[in-house]
Amino acid sequence: MKQENFILIISSPSGAGKTSLSRQLLKEDSRLCLSVSATTRKIRPGEVEGKDYYFIDIKEYKEMLLNKEFLEDAQVFDNYYGSPKKHIMDKLQEGKDILFDIDWQGAQTLKEKLGPLVVSIFILPPSMSELKRRLKSRGQDSDEVVDRRMERAKAEISKYGLYDYVLINKDFDKTLARISSIIAAERLRFFDFSKFVEDLMK
């Protein structure tokens, strides 16, 4: 019997909880590893180079883009993000399931390129007012940036139908448990029982 590894995408508007949920999943599940994106944005408090992101300058990013080193890439506001191919392929070969914390455009690109390997989840906020409250409580952005994120959130939420699963993140622990259940079910789906059945039927 052989376990086939898969790629798990979690997307949400900024502030809906995908990063916090992803971090907790990674703590609890040793078979799951994060696809570490390269980004041109500045490092935030608490982030670690090579663990949360590869923080690079625009020149290096453009060189990687030119050399087709990304599986997917996107511009978010004034910053650029890309998922390095080599990191992903190395982790799959190590027997890891890979978690992507990316937007709907990146999710679609990965689905086009990796098709059956991809399982996608979209996280919705319980309300727009709660989403705005969460964004403001982070204290990382000006009111102008929060307003821009809220406008972008409406466009992102409209894409929920592109995903395999949709969850409302009203209660963090319940949402986390539901994602863990999805992972467990998908691991069964990706499990190759052919050798076991072959032996069973002898």
Protein backbone atom coordinates (compact mmCIF):
# COMPACT_ATOMS: atom_id res chain seq x y z
CA MET A 1 0.00 0.00 0.00
CA LYS A 2 1.23 3.46 -0.81
CA GLN A 3 0.23 6.91 0.43
CA GLU A 4 0.00 9.41 -2.41
CA ASN A 5 0.75 12.90 -1.23
CA PHE A 6 -1.41 15.86 -2.09
CA ILE A 7 -1.46 19.64 -2.08
CA LEU A 8 -3.86 21.45 0.26
CA ILE A 9 -4.79 25.03 -0.59
CA ILE A 10 -6.36 27.28 2.02
CA SER A 11 -7.56 30.68 0.80
CA SER A 12 -9.50 33.49 2.41
CA PRO A 13 -9.72 37.26 2.37
CA SER A 14 -7.07 38.91 4.54
CA GLY A 15 -8.22 38.76 8.17
CA ALA A 16 -10.55 35.76 7.81
CA GLY A 17 -8.11 33.45 9.58
CA LYS A 18 -6.26 31.36 7.00
CA THR A 19 -2.78 32.13 8.34
CA SER A 20 -3.67 31.38 11.98
CA LEU A 21 -5.46 28.18 10.94
CA SER A 22 -2.53 27.14 8.75
CA ARG A 23 -0.01 27.69 11.54
CA GLN A 24 -2.02 25.56 13.98
CA LEU A 25 -2.48 22.77 11.41
CA LEU A 26 1.28 22.68 10.86
CA LYS A 27 1.87 22.40 14.62
CA GLU A 28 -0.57 19.51 14.99
CA ASP A 29 0.13 17.53 11.81
CA SER A 30 3.71 16.33 11.22
CA ARG A 31 2.92 15.08 7.72
CA LEU A 32 1.88 18.55 6.62
CA CYS A 33 4.45 21.14 5.59
CA LEU A 34 4.10 24.71 4.41
CA SER A 35 4.91 25.77 0.89
CA VAL A 36 7.15 28.73 1.66
CA SER A 37 6.53 31.55 -0.80
CA ALA A 38 9.02 34.15 -1.93
CA THR A 39 7.81 37.72 -1.44
CA THR A 40 9.02 41.24 -2.01
CA ARG A 41 7.09 42.61 0.97
CA LYS A 42 8.82 43.59 4.21
CA ILE A 43 9.07 41.10 7.04
CA ARG A 44 6.44 41.52 9.80
CA PRO A 45 7.00 41.12 13.55
CA GLY A 46 7.16 37.45 14.51
CA GLU A 47 7.88 36.20 10.97
CA VAL A 48 10.96 34.07 10.29
CA GLU A 49 12.99 34.08 7.07
CA GLY A 50 12.71 30.71 5.32
CA LYS A 51 9.88 29.55 7.59
CA ASP A 52 7.09 32.03 6.84
CA TYR A 53 8.46 33.46 3.58
CA TYR A 54 11.64 33.93 1.61
CA PHE A 55 12.03 37.70 1.74
CA ILE A 56 13.68 38.88 -1.46
CA ASP A 57 14.04 42.14 -3.38
CA ILE A 58 12.24 42.96 -6.60
CA LYS A 59 15.34 42.30 -8.75
CA GLU A 60 15.75 38.74 -7.45
CA TYR A 61 12.01 38.12 -7.79
CA LYS A 62 12.02 39.19 -11.44
CA GLU A 63 15.02 36.96 -12.14
CA MET A 64 13.22 33.95 -10.64
CA LEU A 65 10.11 34.83 -12.65
CA LEU A 66 12.16 35.07 -15.85
CA ASN A 67 13.76 31.69 -15.14
CA LYS A 68 10.30 30.13 -14.57
CA GLU A 69 11.17 29.08 -11.02
CA PHE A 70 7.64 29.64 -9.68
CA LEU A 71 4.69 27.24 -9.86
CA GLU A 72 2.40 30.23 -9.33
CA ASP A 73 2.87 33.92 -8.72
CA ALA A 74 0.72 36.95 -7.96
CA GLN A 75 0.79 40.65 -7.18
CA VAL A 76 -1.09 41.70 -4.04
CA PHE A 77 -1.30 45.46 -3.67
CA ASP A 78 2.30 46.68 -4.11
CA ASN A 79 3.99 43.36 -3.32
CA TYR A 80 4.81 40.21 -5.30
CA TYR A 81 4.50 36.59 -4.20
CA GLY A 82 5.61 33.35 -5.83
CA SER A 83 5.78 29.63 -4.93
CA PRO A 84 9.22 28.20 -5.77
CA LYS A 85 8.94 24.95 -7.75
CA LYS A 86 11.99 23.21 -6.26
CA HIS A 87 10.85 23.55 -2.64
CA ILE A 88 7.47 22.01 -3.49
CA MET A 89 8.81 19.08 -5.52
CA ASP A 90 11.44 18.27 -2.88
CA LYS A 91 8.79 18.14 -0.13
CA LEU A 92 6.46 15.90 -2.19
CA GLN A 93 9.34 13.48 -2.76
CA GLU A 94 9.98 13.45 0.99
CA GLY A 95 6.42 12.16 1.48
CA LYS A 96 4.90 15.37 2.78
CA ASP A 97 1.47 16.83 2.08
CA ILE A 98 1.97 20.48 1.20
CA LEU A 99 -0.11 23.36 2.52
CA PHE A 100 -0.50 26.48 0.40
CA ASP A 101 -1.73 29.71 1.99
CA ILE A 102 -2.53 31.57 -1.26
CA ASP A 103 -5.26 33.59 -3.00
CA TRP A 104 -7.83 32.34 -5.52
CA GLN A 105 -5.68 33.21 -8.54
CA GLY A 106 -2.78 31.15 -7.22
CA ALA A 107 -5.22 28.34 -6.39
CA GLN A 108 -6.51 28.29 -9.96
CA THR A 109 -2.98 28.24 -11.38
CA LEU A 110 -2.05 25.26 -9.19
CA LYS A 111 -5.24 23.43 -10.19
CA GLU A 112 -4.39 23.98 -13.86
CA LYS A 113 -0.80 22.74 -13.39
CA LEU A 114 -1.23 19.97 -10.80
CA GLY A 115 -4.91 19.05 -11.25
CA PRO A 116 -5.80 15.88 -9.30
CA LEU A 117 -3.14 16.52 -6.64
CA VAL A 118 -4.94 19.64 -5.40
CA VAL A 119 -7.56 19.90 -2.63
CA SER A 120 -8.85 23.42 -1.97
CA ILE A 121 -10.63 25.08 0.98
CA PHE A 122 -12.01 28.61 1.12
CA ILE A 123 -12.45 30.28 4.52
CA LEU A 124 -15.26 32.82 4.87
CA PRO A 125 -15.52 35.37 7.70
CA PRO A 126 -18.75 35.24 9.76
CA SER A 127 -19.58 38.79 8.59
CA MET A 128 -17.98 41.76 6.86
CA SER A 129 -18.11 43.80 10.06
CA GLU A 130 -16.22 41.06 11.92
CA LEU A 131 -13.66 40.91 9.11
CA LYS A 132 -13.05 44.66 9.40
CA ARG A 133 -12.75 44.37 13.18
CA ARG A 134 -10.12 41.64 12.84
CA LEU A 135 -8.14 43.67 10.30
CA LYS A 136 -8.15 46.73 12.55
CA SER A 137 -7.26 44.73 15.68
CA ARG A 138 -4.05 43.47 14.05
CA GLY A 139 -2.73 47.03 14.17
CA GLN A 140 -0.52 46.44 11.13
CA ASP A 141 -2.29 48.59 8.55
CA SER A 142 -3.50 52.17 8.20
CA ASP A 143 -7.24 52.86 7.81
CA GLU A 144 -6.64 53.37 4.09
CA VAL A 145 -5.02 49.93 3.72
CA VAL A 146 -7.80 48.31 5.78
CA ASP A 147 -10.38 49.87 3.41
CA ARG A 148 -8.44 48.52 0.42
CA ARG A 149 -8.34 45.07 1.99
CA MET A 150 -12.10 45.20 2.57
CA GLU A 151 -12.71 46.06 -1.09
CA ARG A 152 -10.41 43.24 -2.18
CA ALA A 153 -12.20 40.88 0.23
CA LYS A 154 -15.49 41.31 -1.66
CA ALA A 155 -13.82 40.30 -4.92
CA GLU A 156 -12.11 37.30 -3.26
CA ILE A 157 -15.28 36.09 -1.52
CA SER A 158 -17.09 36.04 -4.88
CA LYS A 159 -14.70 33.22 -5.97
CA TYR A 160 -15.71 30.80 -3.19
CA GLY A 161 -17.45 28.52 -5.72
CA LEU A 162 -14.10 27.60 -7.29
CA TYR A 163 -13.11 25.63 -4.16
CA ASP A 164 -13.74 22.01 -3.14
CA TYR A 165 -14.78 23.01 0.40
CA VAL A 166 -16.10 26.24 1.96
CA LEU A 167 -16.00 26.89 5.72
CA ILE A 168 -17.25 29.84 7.82
CA ASN A 169 -14.64 30.73 10.42
CA LYS A 170 -16.89 31.81 13.25
CA ASP A 171 -15.22 29.62 15.87
CA PHE A 172 -11.48 28.97 15.40
CA ASP A 173 -11.35 25.56 17.12
CA LYS A 174 -14.39 24.23 15.24
CA THR A 175 -13.02 25.45 11.90
CA LEU A 176 -9.66 23.86 12.68
CA ALA A 177 -11.35 20.54 13.53
CA ARG A 178 -13.31 20.63 10.25
CA ILE A 179 -10.14 21.22 8.23
CA SER A 180 -8.45 18.33 10.05
CA SER A 181 -11.43 16.11 9.16
CA ILE A 182 -11.12 17.15 5.50
CA ILE A 183 -7.41 16.28 5.52
CA ALA A 184 -8.12 12.87 7.07
CA ALA A 185 -10.80 12.11 4.46
CA GLU A 186 -8.62 13.27 1.58
CA ARG A 187 -5.72 11.13 2.77
CA LEU A 188 -8.00 8.11 2.49
CA ARG A 189 -8.99 9.20 -1.01
CA PHE A 190 -5.35 9.54 -2.06
CA PHE A 191 -4.36 6.21 -0.52
CA ASP A 192 -3.42 3.55 -3.05
CA PHE A 193 -5.06 0.30 -1.94
CA SER A 194 -4.23 -1.62 -5.15
CA LYS A 195 -1.41 -3.77 -3.70
CA PHE A 196 -3.46 -4.62 -0.59
CA VAL A 197 -6.50 -5.60 -2.70
CA GLU A 198 -4.29 -7.61 -5.03
CA ASP A 199 -2.91 -9.60 -2.07
CA LEU A 200 -6.37 -9.88 -0.51
CA MET A 201 -7.80 -11.50 -3.64
CA LYS A 202 -5.10 -14.16 -3.94
